[in-house]
Amino acid sequence: MLKLVMFVKRRPDLSHEAFREHYENVHAPLASANMPQIIKYVRNYLAPLPNQPEPPCDCVTEMWYEDEAGLKETMAWMRSDASRELHEDEDRFMDRSAMRAFIATECETDR
């Protein structure tokens, strides 16, 4: 399995609540409907611990793929005209210039 991790920042004119509401109720369903290669899709909303600075991003998004072929299909779709609606929606609530994406290798420790 392969995992893509994205660090997502909200637009500066949006509150944390408005960002989360839009992501959960508009964007996540839109992404899920258009990217069937994603087998698990998780959004982790960040909040600072007491006496700590604001996190550098508002959400850590995780997308799992069965294999590299699924990720490549998704990336090809994201570069196509078919993804215009998704990109337009991202502009409504994300600071896309601040977004960063990485392939993650997950390691677990048994307890």
PDB file of N, CA and C in Angstrom:
ATOM      1  N   MET A   1       0.844  -1.178   0.000  1.00  0.00           N
ATOM      2  CA  MET A   1       0.000   0.000   0.000  1.00  0.00           C
ATOM      3  C   MET A   1       0.892   1.244   0.000  1.00  0.00           C
ATOM      4  N   LEU A   2       0.376   2.312  -0.558  1.00  0.00           N
ATOM      5  CA  LEU A   2       1.112   3.560  -0.706  1.00  0.00           C
ATOM      6  C   LEU A   2       0.292   4.688  -0.087  1.00  0.00           C
ATOM      7  N   LYS A   3       0.975   5.598   0.611  1.00  0.00           N
ATOM      8  CA  LYS A   3       0.249   6.703   1.244  1.00  0.00           C
ATOM      9  C   LYS A   3       0.826   8.041   0.795  1.00  0.00           C
ATOM     10  N   LEU A   4      -0.078   8.925   0.367  1.00  0.00           N
ATOM     11  CA  LEU A   4       0.259  10.301   0.036  1.00  0.00           C
ATOM     12  C   LEU A   4      -0.180  11.160   1.211  1.00  0.00           C
ATOM     13  N   VAL A   5       0.721  12.025   1.690  1.00  0.00           N
ATOM     14  CA  VAL A   5       0.414  12.919   2.798  1.00  0.00           C
ATOM     15  C   VAL A   5       0.526  14.350   2.283  1.00  0.00           C
ATOM     16  N   MET A   6      -0.520  15.140   2.540  1.00  0.00           N
ATOM     17  CA  MET A   6      -0.529  16.533   2.099  1.00  0.00           C
ATOM     18  C   MET A   6      -0.701  17.452   3.309  1.00  0.00           C
ATOM     19  N   PHE A   7       0.085  18.512   3.336  1.00  0.00           N
ATOM     20  CA  PHE A   7      -0.025  19.533   4.364  1.00  0.00           C
ATOM     21  C   PHE A   7      -0.806  20.693   3.751  1.00  0.00           C
ATOM     22  N   VAL A   8      -1.987  20.944   4.290  1.00  0.00           N
ATOM     23  CA  VAL A   8      -2.930  21.880   3.679  1.00  0.00           C
ATOM     24  C   VAL A   8      -3.140  23.084   4.599  1.00  0.00           C
ATOM     25  N   LYS A   9      -3.024  24.271   4.035  1.00  0.00           N
ATOM     26  CA  LYS A   9      -3.225  25.532   4.760  1.00  0.00           C
ATOM     27  C   LYS A   9      -4.517  26.177   4.269  1.00  0.00           C
ATOM     28  N   ARG A  10      -5.281  26.730   5.186  1.00  0.00           N
ATOM     29  CA  ARG A  10      -6.517  27.416   4.814  1.00  0.00           C
ATOM     30  C   ARG A  10      -6.203  28.790   4.222  1.00  0.00           C
ATOM     31  N   ARG A  11      -7.139  29.315   3.461  1.00  0.00           N
ATOM     32  CA  ARG A  11      -7.006  30.701   2.998  1.00  0.00           C
ATOM     33  C   ARG A  11      -7.011  31.605   4.218  1.00  0.00           C
ATOM     34  N   PRO A  12      -6.229  32.679   4.209  1.00  0.00           N
ATOM     35  CA  PRO A  12      -6.125  33.536   5.395  1.00  0.00           C
ATOM     36  C   PRO A  12      -7.427  34.239   5.784  1.00  0.00           C
ATOM     37  N   ASP A  13      -8.357  34.375   4.844  1.00  0.00           N
ATOM     38  CA  ASP A  13      -9.614  35.051   5.160  1.00  0.00           C
ATOM     39  C   ASP A  13     -10.661  34.110   5.765  1.00  0.00           C
ATOM     40  N   LEU A  14     -10.321  32.833   5.955  1.00  0.00           N
ATOM     41  CA  LEU A  14     -11.272  31.867   6.511  1.00  0.00           C
ATOM     42  C   LEU A  14     -10.909  31.485   7.942  1.00  0.00           C
ATOM     43  N   SER A  15     -11.914  31.258   8.728  1.00  0.00           N
ATOM     44  CA  SER A  15     -11.687  30.750  10.083  1.00  0.00           C
ATOM     45  C   SER A  15     -11.357  29.262  10.004  1.00  0.00           C
ATOM     46  N   HIS A  16     -10.821  28.731  11.096  1.00  0.00           N
ATOM     47  CA  HIS A  16     -10.560  27.289  11.163  1.00  0.00           C
ATOM     48  C   HIS A  16     -11.859  26.511  10.955  1.00  0.00           C
ATOM     49  N   GLU A  17     -12.939  27.003  11.560  1.00  0.00           N
ATOM     50  CA  GLU A  17     -14.233  26.324  11.482  1.00  0.00           C
ATOM     51  C   GLU A  17     -14.775  26.318  10.051  1.00  0.00           C
ATOM     52  N   ALA A  18     -14.676  27.453   9.372  1.00  0.00           N
ATOM     53  CA  ALA A  18     -15.169  27.538   7.991  1.00  0.00           C
ATOM     54  C   ALA A  18     -14.340  26.639   7.070  1.00  0.00           C
ATOM     55  N   PHE A  19     -13.029  26.608   7.289  1.00  0.00           N
ATOM     56  CA  PHE A  19     -12.145  25.744   6.510  1.00  0.00           C
ATOM     57  C   PHE A  19     -12.545  24.281   6.683  1.00  0.00           C
ATOM     58  N   ARG A  20     -12.693  23.857   7.931  1.00  0.00           N
ATOM     59  CA  ARG A  20     -13.033  22.461   8.212  1.00  0.00           C
ATOM     60  C   ARG A  20     -14.419  22.092   7.664  1.00  0.00           C
ATOM     61  N   GLU A  21     -15.375  22.988   7.834  1.00  0.00           N
ATOM     62  CA  GLU A  21     -16.738  22.727   7.354  1.00  0.00           C
ATOM     63  C   GLU A  21     -16.732  22.533   5.840  1.00  0.00           C
ATOM     64  N   HIS A  22     -16.014  23.396   5.131  1.00  0.00           N
ATOM     65  CA  HIS A  22     -15.966  23.276   3.672  1.00  0.00           C
ATOM     66  C   HIS A  22     -15.238  21.994   3.258  1.00  0.00           C
ATOM     67  N   TYR A  23     -14.119  21.719   3.897  1.00  0.00           N
ATOM     68  CA  TYR A  23     -13.346  20.522   3.549  1.00  0.00           C
ATOM     69  C   TYR A  23     -14.193  19.261   3.738  1.00  0.00           C
ATOM     70  N   GLU A  24     -14.868  19.158   4.874  1.00  0.00           N
ATOM     71  CA  GLU A  24     -15.627  17.948   5.191  1.00  0.00           C
ATOM     72  C   GLU A  24     -16.917  17.809   4.384  1.00  0.00           C
ATOM     73  N   ASN A  25     -17.618  18.912   4.186  1.00  0.00           N
ATOM     74  CA  ASN A  25     -18.953  18.832   3.591  1.00  0.00           C
ATOM     75  C   ASN A  25     -19.024  19.102   2.092  1.00  0.00           C
ATOM     76  N   VAL A  26     -17.958  19.686   1.537  1.00  0.00           N
ATOM     77  CA  VAL A  26     -17.949  19.980   0.102  1.00  0.00           C
ATOM     78  C   VAL A  26     -16.778  19.267  -0.582  1.00  0.00           C
ATOM     79  N   HIS A  27     -15.575  19.574  -0.140  1.00  0.00           N
ATOM     80  CA  HIS A  27     -14.399  19.100  -0.878  1.00  0.00           C
ATOM     81  C   HIS A  27     -14.148  17.604  -0.745  1.00  0.00           C
ATOM     82  N   ALA A  28     -14.182  17.073   0.453  1.00  0.00           N
ATOM     83  CA  ALA A  28     -13.895  15.635   0.630  1.00  0.00           C
ATOM     84  C   ALA A  28     -14.880  14.767  -0.167  1.00  0.00           C
ATOM     85  N   PRO A  29     -16.191  15.059  -0.125  1.00  0.00           N
ATOM     86  CA  PRO A  29     -17.101  14.256  -0.964  1.00  0.00           C
ATOM     87  C   PRO A  29     -16.815  14.406  -2.469  1.00  0.00           C
ATOM     88  N   LEU A  30     -16.451  15.618  -2.892  1.00  0.00           N
ATOM     89  CA  LEU A  30     -16.125  15.853  -4.298  1.00  0.00           C
ATOM     90  C   LEU A  30     -14.873  15.064  -4.696  1.00  0.00           C
ATOM     91  N   ALA A  31     -13.850  15.103  -3.861  1.00  0.00           N
ATOM     92  CA  ALA A  31     -12.617  14.359  -4.141  1.00  0.00           C
ATOM     93  C   ALA A  31     -12.890  12.862  -4.170  1.00  0.00           C
ATOM     94  N   SER A  32     -13.627  12.375  -3.193  1.00  0.00           N
ATOM     95  CA  SER A  32     -13.931  10.940  -3.134  1.00  0.00           C
ATOM     96  C   SER A  32     -14.694  10.468  -4.362  1.00  0.00           C
ATOM     97  N   ALA A  33     -15.619  11.278  -4.836  1.00  0.00           N
ATOM     98  CA  ALA A  33     -16.430  10.908  -5.999  1.00  0.00           C
ATOM     99  C   ALA A  33     -15.616  10.873  -7.290  1.00  0.00           C
ATOM    100  N   ASN A  34     -14.549  11.658  -7.341  1.00  0.00           N
ATOM    101  CA  ASN A  34     -13.782  11.783  -8.585  1.00  0.00           C
ATOM    102  C   ASN A  34     -12.463  11.024  -8.606  1.00  0.00           C
ATOM    103  N   MET A  35     -12.051  10.497  -7.471  1.00  0.00           N
ATOM    104  CA  MET A  35     -10.764   9.783  -7.412  1.00  0.00           C
ATOM    105  C   MET A  35     -10.975   8.400  -6.807  1.00  0.00           C
ATOM    106  N   PRO A  36     -11.535   7.468  -7.581  1.00  0.00           N
ATOM    107  CA  PRO A  36     -11.860   6.145  -7.051  1.00  0.00           C
ATOM    108  C   PRO A  36     -10.635   5.312  -6.685  1.00  0.00           C
ATOM    109  N   GLN A  37      -9.446   5.730  -7.099  1.00  0.00           N
ATOM    110  CA  GLN A  37      -8.237   4.986  -6.775  1.00  0.00           C
ATOM    111  C   GLN A  37      -7.865   5.114  -5.291  1.00  0.00           C
ATOM    112  N   ILE A  38      -8.398   6.130  -4.620  1.00  0.00           N
ATOM    113  CA  ILE A  38      -8.107   6.320  -3.194  1.00  0.00           C
ATOM    114  C   ILE A  38      -8.891   5.272  -2.414  1.00  0.00           C
ATOM    115  N   ILE A  39      -8.179   4.470  -1.621  1.00  0.00           N
ATOM    116  CA  ILE A  39      -8.865   3.427  -0.856  1.00  0.00           C
ATOM    117  C   ILE A  39      -9.106   3.836   0.596  1.00  0.00           C
ATOM    118  N   LYS A  40      -8.422   4.884   1.058  1.00  0.00           N
ATOM    119  CA  LYS A  40      -8.668   5.454   2.391  1.00  0.00           C
ATOM    120  C   LYS A  40      -8.296   6.925   2.318  1.00  0.00           C
ATOM    121  N   TYR A  41      -9.140   7.780   2.916  1.00  0.00           N
ATOM    122  CA  TYR A  41      -8.979   9.238   2.805  1.00  0.00           C
ATOM    123  C   TYR A  41      -9.260   9.832   4.179  1.00  0.00           C
ATOM    124  N   VAL A  42      -8.220  10.372   4.817  1.00  0.00           N
ATOM    125  CA  VAL A  42      -8.326  10.864   6.193  1.00  0.00           C
ATOM    126  C   VAL A  42      -7.846  12.308   6.249  1.00  0.00           C
ATOM    127  N   ARG A  43      -8.585  13.145   6.970  1.00  0.00           N
ATOM    128  CA  ARG A  43      -8.176  14.518   7.227  1.00  0.00           C
ATOM    129  C   ARG A  43      -7.902  14.658   8.720  1.00  0.00           C
ATOM    130  N   ASN A  44      -6.719  15.163   9.064  1.00  0.00           N
ATOM    131  CA  ASN A  44      -6.300  15.389  10.453  1.00  0.00           C
ATOM    132  C   ASN A  44      -6.185  16.894  10.664  1.00  0.00           C
ATOM    133  N   TYR A  45      -7.126  17.474  11.415  1.00  0.00           N
ATOM    134  CA  TYR A  45      -7.128  18.921  11.653  1.00  0.00           C
ATOM    135  C   TYR A  45      -6.252  19.226  12.858  1.00  0.00           C
ATOM    136  N   LEU A  46      -5.375  20.211  12.709  1.00  0.00           N
ATOM    137  CA  LEU A  46      -4.384  20.505  13.731  1.00  0.00           C
ATOM    138  C   LEU A  46      -4.792  21.688  14.596  1.00  0.00           C
ATOM    139  N   ALA A  47      -4.450  21.589  15.862  1.00  0.00           N
ATOM    140  CA  ALA A  47      -4.637  22.686  16.816  1.00  0.00           C
ATOM    141  C   ALA A  47      -3.395  22.711  17.692  1.00  0.00           C
ATOM    142  N   PRO A  48      -2.927  23.894  18.063  1.00  0.00           N
ATOM    143  CA  PRO A  48      -1.720  23.950  18.881  1.00  0.00           C
ATOM    144  C   PRO A  48      -1.982  23.455  20.304  1.00  0.00           C
ATOM    145  N   LEU A  49      -0.951  22.903  20.892  1.00  0.00           N
ATOM    146  CA  LEU A  49      -1.005  22.590  22.315  1.00  0.00           C
ATOM    147  C   LEU A  49      -0.899  23.896  23.088  1.00  0.00           C
ATOM    148  N   PRO A  50      -1.300  23.914  24.348  1.00  0.00           N
ATOM    149  CA  PRO A  50      -1.172  25.152  25.132  1.00  0.00           C
ATOM    150  C   PRO A  50       0.266  25.681  25.109  1.00  0.00           C
ATOM    151  N   ASN A  51       0.376  26.980  24.977  1.00  0.00           N
ATOM    152  CA  ASN A  51       1.665  27.683  24.966  1.00  0.00           C
ATOM    153  C   ASN A  51       2.559  27.306  23.789  1.00  0.00           C
ATOM    154  N   GLN A  52       1.956  26.848  22.705  1.00  0.00           N
ATOM    155  CA  GLN A  52       2.707  26.508  21.500  1.00  0.00           C
ATOM    156  C   GLN A  52       2.243  27.401  20.350  1.00  0.00           C
ATOM    157  N   PRO A  53       3.107  27.612  19.366  1.00  0.00           N
ATOM    158  CA  PRO A  53       2.700  28.447  18.226  1.00  0.00           C
ATOM    159  C   PRO A  53       1.662  27.745  17.355  1.00  0.00           C
ATOM    160  N   GLU A  54       1.038  28.521  16.531  1.00  0.00           N
ATOM    161  CA  GLU A  54       0.075  28.011  15.547  1.00  0.00           C
ATOM    162  C   GLU A  54       0.786  27.012  14.631  1.00  0.00           C
ATOM    163  N   PRO A  55       0.162  25.895  14.299  1.00  0.00           N
ATOM    164  CA  PRO A  55       0.795  24.935  13.379  1.00  0.00           C
ATOM    165  C   PRO A  55       1.034  25.573  12.008  1.00  0.00           C
ATOM    166  N   PRO A  56       2.021  25.074  11.261  1.00  0.00           N
ATOM    167  CA  PRO A  56       2.318  25.636   9.935  1.00  0.00           C
ATOM    168  C   PRO A  56       1.268  25.294   8.883  1.00  0.00           C
ATOM    169  N   CYS A  57       0.395  24.337   9.188  1.00  0.00           N
ATOM    170  CA  CYS A  57      -0.700  24.020   8.277  1.00  0.00           C
ATOM    171  C   CYS A  57      -1.939  23.728   9.124  1.00  0.00           C
ATOM    172  N   ASP A  58      -3.084  23.684   8.488  1.00  0.00           N
ATOM    173  CA  ASP A  58      -4.342  23.478   9.207  1.00  0.00           C
ATOM    174  C   ASP A  58      -4.819  22.038   9.171  1.00  0.00           C
ATOM    175  N   CYS A  59      -4.330  21.280   8.200  1.00  0.00           N
ATOM    176  CA  CYS A  59      -4.794  19.905   8.049  1.00  0.00           C
ATOM    177  C   CYS A  59      -3.688  19.058   7.432  1.00  0.00           C
ATOM    178  N   VAL A  60      -3.533  17.867   7.955  1.00  0.00           N
ATOM    179  CA  VAL A  60      -2.669  16.866   7.336  1.00  0.00           C
ATOM    180  C   VAL A  60      -3.618  15.841   6.715  1.00  0.00           C
ATOM    181  N   THR A  61      -3.613  15.791   5.410  1.00  0.00           N
ATOM    182  CA  THR A  61      -4.509  14.895   4.674  1.00  0.00           C
ATOM    183  C   THR A  61      -3.722  13.661   4.259  1.00  0.00           C
ATOM    184  N   GLU A  62      -4.337  12.503   4.461  1.00  0.00           N
ATOM    185  CA  GLU A  62      -3.714  11.238   4.088  1.00  0.00           C
ATOM    186  C   GLU A  62      -4.599  10.536   3.058  1.00  0.00           C
ATOM    187  N   MET A  63      -3.972  10.082   1.982  1.00  0.00           N
ATOM    188  CA  MET A  63      -4.686   9.329   0.950  1.00  0.00           C
ATOM    189  C   MET A  63      -3.923   8.038   0.703  1.00  0.00           C
ATOM    190  N   TRP A  64      -4.616   6.923   0.879  1.00  0.00           N
ATOM    191  CA  TRP A  64      -4.000   5.612   0.669  1.00  0.00           C
ATOM    192  C   TRP A  64      -4.386   5.082  -0.704  1.00  0.00           C
ATOM    193  N   TYR A  65      -3.405   4.431  -1.340  1.00  0.00           N
ATOM    194  CA  TYR A  65      -3.580   3.800  -2.649  1.00  0.00           C
ATOM    195  C   TYR A  65      -3.136   2.351  -2.556  1.00  0.00           C
ATOM    196  N   GLU A  66      -3.778   1.505  -3.329  1.00  0.00           N
ATOM    197  CA  GLU A  66      -3.403   0.091  -3.361  1.00  0.00           C
ATOM    198  C   GLU A  66      -1.966  -0.083  -3.846  1.00  0.00           C
ATOM    199  N   ASP A  67      -1.586   0.759  -4.845  1.00  0.00           N
ATOM    200  CA  ASP A  67      -0.253   0.626  -5.427  1.00  0.00           C
ATOM    201  C   ASP A  67       0.121   1.932  -6.139  1.00  0.00           C
ATOM    202  N   GLU A  68       1.311   1.945  -6.690  1.00  0.00           N
ATOM    203  CA  GLU A  68       1.805   3.131  -7.387  1.00  0.00           C
ATOM    204  C   GLU A  68       0.962   3.470  -8.610  1.00  0.00           C
ATOM    205  N   ALA A  69       0.403   2.459  -9.253  1.00  0.00           N
ATOM    206  CA  ALA A  69      -0.437   2.698 -10.433  1.00  0.00           C
ATOM    207  C   ALA A  69      -1.657   3.543 -10.071  1.00  0.00           C
ATOM    208  N   GLY A  70      -2.263   3.287  -8.920  1.00  0.00           N
ATOM    209  CA  GLY A  70      -3.415   4.076  -8.477  1.00  0.00           C
ATOM    210  C   GLY A  70      -3.051   5.525  -8.235  1.00  0.00           C
ATOM    211  N   LEU A  71      -1.891   5.746  -7.616  1.00  0.00           N
ATOM    212  CA  LEU A  71      -1.421   7.115  -7.385  1.00  0.00           C
ATOM    213  C   LEU A  71      -1.142   7.807  -8.715  1.00  0.00           C
ATOM    214  N   LYS A  72      -0.516   7.112  -9.641  1.00  0.00           N
ATOM    215  CA  LYS A  72      -0.207   7.707 -10.949  1.00  0.00           C
ATOM    216  C   LYS A  72      -1.483   8.060 -11.705  1.00  0.00           C
ATOM    217  N   GLU A  73      -2.505   7.209 -11.616  1.00  0.00           N
ATOM    218  CA  GLU A  73      -3.796   7.512 -12.255  1.00  0.00           C
ATOM    219  C   GLU A  73      -4.393   8.784 -11.688  1.00  0.00           C
ATOM    220  N   THR A  74      -4.345   8.893 -10.357  1.00  0.00           N
ATOM    221  CA  THR A  74      -4.881  10.082  -9.688  1.00  0.00           C
ATOM    222  C   THR A  74      -4.112  11.327 -10.113  1.00  0.00           C
ATOM    223  N   MET A  75      -2.784  11.249 -10.144  1.00  0.00           N
ATOM    224  CA  MET A  75      -1.960  12.398 -10.525  1.00  0.00           C
ATOM    225  C   MET A  75      -2.240  12.807 -11.975  1.00  0.00           C
ATOM    226  N   ALA A  76      -2.420  11.835 -12.853  1.00  0.00           N
ATOM    227  CA  ALA A  76      -2.738  12.145 -14.255  1.00  0.00           C
ATOM    228  C   ALA A  76      -4.094  12.853 -14.337  1.00  0.00           C
ATOM    229  N   TRP A  77      -5.070  12.366 -13.572  1.00  0.00           N
ATOM    230  CA  TRP A  77      -6.385  12.997 -13.556  1.00  0.00           C
ATOM    231  C   TRP A  77      -6.281  14.427 -13.028  1.00  0.00           C
ATOM    232  N   MET A  78      -5.462  14.624 -11.981  1.00  0.00           N
ATOM    233  CA  MET A  78      -5.310  15.963 -11.387  1.00  0.00           C
ATOM    234  C   MET A  78      -4.703  16.965 -12.380  1.00  0.00           C
ATOM    235  N   ARG A  79      -3.928  16.482 -13.342  1.00  0.00           N
ATOM    236  CA  ARG A  79      -3.323  17.363 -14.351  1.00  0.00           C
ATOM    237  C   ARG A  79      -4.227  17.568 -15.568  1.00  0.00           C
ATOM    238  N   SER A  80      -5.341  16.851 -15.622  1.00  0.00           N
ATOM    239  CA  SER A  80      -6.231  16.932 -16.784  1.00  0.00           C
ATOM    240  C   SER A  80      -7.312  17.996 -16.585  1.00  0.00           C
ATOM    241  N   ASP A  81      -7.977  18.351 -17.672  1.00  0.00           N
ATOM    242  CA  ASP A  81      -9.081  19.309 -17.608  1.00  0.00           C
ATOM    243  C   ASP A  81     -10.248  18.779 -16.786  1.00  0.00           C
ATOM    244  N   ALA A  82     -10.352  17.463 -16.659  1.00  0.00           N
ATOM    245  CA  ALA A  82     -11.452  16.859 -15.901  1.00  0.00           C
ATOM    246  C   ALA A  82     -11.422  17.240 -14.427  1.00  0.00           C
ATOM    247  N   SER A  83     -10.268  17.664 -13.930  1.00  0.00           N
ATOM    248  CA  SER A  83     -10.140  18.000 -12.506  1.00  0.00           C
ATOM    249  C   SER A  83     -10.426  19.479 -12.210  1.00  0.00           C
ATOM    250  N   ARG A  84     -10.868  20.219 -13.207  1.00  0.00           N
ATOM    251  CA  ARG A  84     -11.083  21.667 -13.044  1.00  0.00           C
ATOM    252  C   ARG A  84     -12.009  21.981 -11.862  1.00  0.00           C
ATOM    253  N   GLU A  85     -13.107  21.252 -11.736  1.00  0.00           N
ATOM    254  CA  GLU A  85     -14.059  21.515 -10.648  1.00  0.00           C
ATOM    255  C   GLU A  85     -13.393  21.343  -9.281  1.00  0.00           C
ATOM    256  N   LEU A  86     -12.565  20.315  -9.136  1.00  0.00           N
ATOM    257  CA  LEU A  86     -11.873  20.084  -7.865  1.00  0.00           C
ATOM    258  C   LEU A  86     -10.896  21.213  -7.568  1.00  0.00           C
ATOM    259  N   HIS A  87     -10.132  21.648  -8.573  1.00  0.00           N
ATOM    260  CA  HIS A  87      -9.176  22.747  -8.379  1.00  0.00           C
ATOM    261  C   HIS A  87      -9.896  24.063  -8.065  1.00  0.00           C
ATOM    262  N   GLU A  88     -11.002  24.309  -8.729  1.00  0.00           N
ATOM    263  CA  GLU A  88     -11.769  25.527  -8.436  1.00  0.00           C
ATOM    264  C   GLU A  88     -12.282  25.501  -7.003  1.00  0.00           C
ATOM    265  N   ASP A  89     -12.687  24.321  -6.545  1.00  0.00           N
ATOM    266  CA  ASP A  89     -13.140  24.214  -5.167  1.00  0.00           C
ATOM    267  C   ASP A  89     -11.985  24.421  -4.193  1.00  0.00           C
ATOM    268  N   GLU A  90     -10.816  23.894  -4.496  1.00  0.00           N
ATOM    269  CA  GLU A  90      -9.651  24.113  -3.622  1.00  0.00           C
ATOM    270  C   GLU A  90      -9.394  25.607  -3.448  1.00  0.00           C
ATOM    271  N   ASP A  91      -9.533  26.365  -4.529  1.00  0.00           N
ATOM    272  CA  ASP A  91      -9.310  27.812  -4.455  1.00  0.00           C
ATOM    273  C   ASP A  91     -10.298  28.508  -3.517  1.00  0.00           C
ATOM    274  N   ARG A  92     -11.442  27.891  -3.259  1.00  0.00           N
ATOM    275  CA  ARG A  92     -12.446  28.494  -2.379  1.00  0.00           C
ATOM    276  C   ARG A  92     -12.054  28.447  -0.905  1.00  0.00           C
ATOM    277  N   PHE A  93     -11.153  27.519  -0.534  1.00  0.00           N
ATOM    278  CA  PHE A  93     -10.871  27.409   0.904  1.00  0.00           C
ATOM    279  C   PHE A  93      -9.416  27.101   1.251  1.00  0.00           C
ATOM    280  N   MET A  94      -8.605  26.714   0.291  1.00  0.00           N
ATOM    281  CA  MET A  94      -7.198  26.378   0.539  1.00  0.00           C
ATOM    282  C   MET A  94      -6.267  27.466   0.029  1.00  0.00           C
ATOM    283  N   ASP A  95      -5.114  27.583   0.677  1.00  0.00           N
ATOM    284  CA  ASP A  95      -4.001  28.358   0.137  1.00  0.00           C
ATOM    285  C   ASP A  95      -3.154  27.345  -0.641  1.00  0.00           C
ATOM    286  N   ARG A  96      -3.473  27.158  -1.907  1.00  0.00           N
ATOM    287  CA  ARG A  96      -2.815  26.111  -2.701  1.00  0.00           C
ATOM    288  C   ARG A  96      -1.325  26.348  -2.852  1.00  0.00           C
ATOM    289  N   SER A  97      -0.883  27.607  -2.781  1.00  0.00           N
ATOM    290  CA  SER A  97       0.555  27.881  -2.914  1.00  0.00           C
ATOM    291  C   SER A  97       1.339  27.350  -1.715  1.00  0.00           C
ATOM    292  N   ALA A  98       0.671  27.149  -0.587  1.00  0.00           N
ATOM    293  CA  ALA A  98       1.341  26.652   0.627  1.00  0.00           C
ATOM    294  C   ALA A  98       1.239  25.134   0.767  1.00  0.00           C
ATOM    295  N   MET A  99       0.454  24.475  -0.089  1.00  0.00           N
ATOM    296  CA  MET A  99       0.261  23.030   0.021  1.00  0.00           C
ATOM    297  C   MET A  99       1.539  22.288  -0.344  1.00  0.00           C
ATOM    298  N   ARG A 100       1.831  21.251   0.430  1.00  0.00           N
ATOM    299  CA  ARG A 100       2.968  20.379   0.165  1.00  0.00           C
ATOM    300  C   ARG A 100       2.490  18.936   0.230  1.00  0.00           C
ATOM    301  N   ALA A 101       3.028  18.088  -0.643  1.00  0.00           N
ATOM    302  CA  ALA A 101       2.626  16.678  -0.687  1.00  0.00           C
ATOM    303  C   ALA A 101       3.865  15.795  -0.710  1.00  0.00           C
ATOM    304  N   PHE A 102       3.743  14.650  -0.042  1.00  0.00           N
ATOM    305  CA  PHE A 102       4.853  13.710   0.074  1.00  0.00           C
ATOM    306  C   PHE A 102       4.319  12.288   0.079  1.00  0.00           C
ATOM    307  N   ILE A 103       5.155  11.355  -0.348  1.00  0.00           N
ATOM    308  CA  ILE A 103       4.873   9.935  -0.175  1.00  0.00           C
ATOM    309  C   ILE A 103       5.377   9.584   1.223  1.00  0.00           C
ATOM    310  N   ALA A 104       4.567   8.893   2.005  1.00  0.00           N
ATOM    311  CA  ALA A 104       4.937   8.547   3.377  1.00  0.00           C
ATOM    312  C   ALA A 104       5.106   7.039   3.519  1.00  0.00           C
ATOM    313  N   THR A 105       6.086   6.662   4.297  1.00  0.00           N
ATOM    314  CA  THR A 105       6.280   5.275   4.678  1.00  0.00           C
ATOM    315  C   THR A 105       5.885   5.171   6.141  1.00  0.00           C
ATOM    316  N   GLU A 106       4.885   4.382   6.401  1.00  0.00           N
ATOM    317  CA  GLU A 106       4.354   4.265   7.752  1.00  0.00           C
ATOM    318  C   GLU A 106       5.021   3.096   8.485  1.00  0.00           C
ATOM    319  N   CYS A 107       5.487   3.355   9.698  1.00  0.00           N
ATOM    320  CA  CYS A 107       6.085   2.326  10.551  1.00  0.00           C
ATOM    321  C   CYS A 107       5.311   2.290  11.856  1.00  0.00           C
ATOM    322  N   GLU A 108       5.032   1.122  12.332  1.00  0.00           N
ATOM    323  CA  GLU A 108       4.246   0.959  13.555  1.00  0.00           C
ATOM    324  C   GLU A 108       5.029   0.174  14.583  1.00  0.00           C
ATOM    325  N   THR A 109       4.832   0.511  15.828  1.00  0.00           N
ATOM    326  CA  THR A 109       5.433  -0.234  16.916  1.00  0.00           C
ATOM    327  C   THR A 109       4.341  -1.006  17.616  1.00  0.00           C
ATOM    328  N   ASP A 110       4.539  -2.299  17.788  1.00  0.00           N
ATOM    329  CA  ASP A 110       3.562  -3.117  18.518  1.00  0.00           C
ATOM    330  C   ASP A 110       3.565  -2.723  19.991  1.00  0.00           C
ATOM    331  N   ARG A 111       2.411  -2.747  20.586  1.00  0.00           N
ATOM    332  CA  ARG A 111       2.297  -2.443  22.032  1.00  0.00           C
ATOM    333  C   ARG A 111       1.860  -3.665  22.759  1.00  0.00           C
TER     334      ARG A 111
END
